[in-house]
Protein backbone atom coordinates (compact mmCIF):
# COMPACT_ATOMS: atom_id res chain seq x y z
CA MET A 1 -10.72 -32.23 39.38
CA SER A 2 -6.97 -31.53 39.46
CA LEU A 3 -4.41 -29.71 41.46
CA LYS A 4 -2.88 -26.35 40.57
CA LEU A 5 0.95 -26.77 40.86
CA GLU A 6 3.44 -23.93 40.94
CA ILE A 7 7.13 -24.40 41.27
CA VAL A 8 8.82 -21.10 41.94
CA THR A 9 12.42 -19.92 42.38
CA PRO A 10 13.68 -16.52 43.39
CA ASN A 11 14.08 -15.60 39.68
CA LYS A 12 10.95 -16.96 38.04
CA VAL A 13 7.88 -19.13 38.07
CA PHE A 14 9.58 -22.37 36.88
CA PHE A 15 6.30 -24.36 36.34
CA SER A 16 2.63 -23.45 36.63
CA ASP A 17 -0.15 -25.78 35.40
CA ARG A 18 -2.88 -28.21 36.51
CA VAL A 19 -1.70 -31.71 37.33
CA ASP A 20 -3.38 -34.94 38.43
CA TRP A 21 -0.90 -35.54 41.22
CA VAL A 22 2.63 -34.68 42.35
CA ARG A 23 5.15 -36.70 44.32
CA VAL A 24 7.89 -34.76 46.27
CA PRO A 25 11.01 -35.78 48.22
CA GLY A 26 9.95 -34.89 51.81
CA SER A 27 12.47 -34.67 54.58
CA ASN A 28 10.98 -37.76 56.22
CA GLY A 29 10.45 -39.63 52.93
CA SER A 30 8.68 -38.97 49.64
CA PHE A 31 4.93 -38.41 49.58
CA ALA A 32 2.29 -37.67 46.93
CA MET A 33 -0.47 -35.09 46.90
CA LEU A 34 -3.68 -35.60 44.99
CA ASN A 35 -6.99 -33.67 44.62
CA ARG A 36 -8.51 -32.80 48.02
CA HIS A 37 -5.32 -33.61 49.95
CA LEU A 38 -5.27 -32.24 53.50
CA PRO A 39 -3.40 -28.98 53.96
CA ILE A 40 0.38 -29.50 54.54
CA ILE A 41 3.59 -27.60 54.80
CA SER A 42 6.82 -29.59 54.58
CA THR A 43 10.49 -29.26 53.94
CA LEU A 44 11.92 -31.05 50.92
CA GLU A 45 15.28 -32.66 50.44
CA PRO A 46 17.22 -32.73 47.19
CA GLY A 47 15.67 -35.27 44.85
CA LEU A 48 13.07 -35.82 42.15
CA ILE A 49 9.59 -34.27 41.85
CA LYS A 50 7.24 -36.48 39.77
CA ILE A 51 4.29 -34.83 38.08
CA VAL A 52 1.47 -36.69 36.33
CA GLN A 53 -0.70 -34.79 33.85
CA GLN A 54 -3.28 -36.82 31.94
CA SER A 55 -1.17 -39.95 32.11
CA ASN A 56 2.04 -38.10 31.04
CA GLU A 57 4.91 -38.00 33.49
CA ARG A 58 7.40 -35.19 33.99
CA TYR A 59 10.30 -35.02 36.36
CA PHE A 60 12.12 -32.11 38.00
CA GLU A 61 15.17 -32.30 40.29
CA ILE A 62 15.56 -30.16 43.37
CA THR A 63 19.26 -29.74 43.97
CA GLU A 64 18.96 -27.96 47.34
CA LYS A 65 16.50 -28.12 50.22
CA ALA A 66 13.07 -26.54 49.45
CA ILE A 67 9.62 -26.09 50.85
CA VAL A 68 6.20 -27.34 49.70
CA GLU A 69 2.82 -26.00 50.82
CA GLN A 70 -0.58 -27.35 49.83
CA HIS A 71 -4.06 -26.03 50.56
CA ASP A 72 -7.37 -25.88 48.62
CA ASN A 73 -5.98 -27.97 45.75
CA HIS A 74 -3.08 -25.52 45.23
CA VAL A 75 0.46 -26.85 45.63
CA THR A 76 3.34 -24.43 45.80
CA ILE A 77 6.95 -25.58 45.79
CA ILE A 78 9.51 -22.98 46.66
CA ALA A 79 13.07 -23.86 45.58
CA THR A 80 16.35 -22.06 45.06
CA ALA A 81 17.72 -24.51 42.51
CA ILE A 82 15.62 -26.80 40.28
CA GLU A 83 15.94 -28.28 36.76
CA GLU A 84 13.89 -30.54 34.49
CA ALA A 85 15.13 -34.11 34.77
CA HIS A 86 15.03 -37.11 32.53
CA PRO A 87 15.59 -40.07 34.81
CA ILE A 88 16.89 -43.32 33.44
CA PHE A 89 15.50 -46.43 35.14
CA VAL A 90 17.63 -49.55 34.98
CA ARG A 91 16.32 -53.01 35.79
């Protein structure tokens, strides 16, 4: 079973799909949510959201503080500014 993830801004639903898991930049450090995660509401800091869907990874960047809420395998991220990101990892 997977999570339903929605990323919304004041202007539109930026992303809406089922995902295996999502990692967010929480105010006290990043954390991930998987299927059957306990309910949570948290503030988010600017940073990367990582989404995994069937072994494919996607990244979104929050450029201002945001909020995440999770309950009953439904994650909602409310952000005022977000964009798809393509991080480059350097060794």
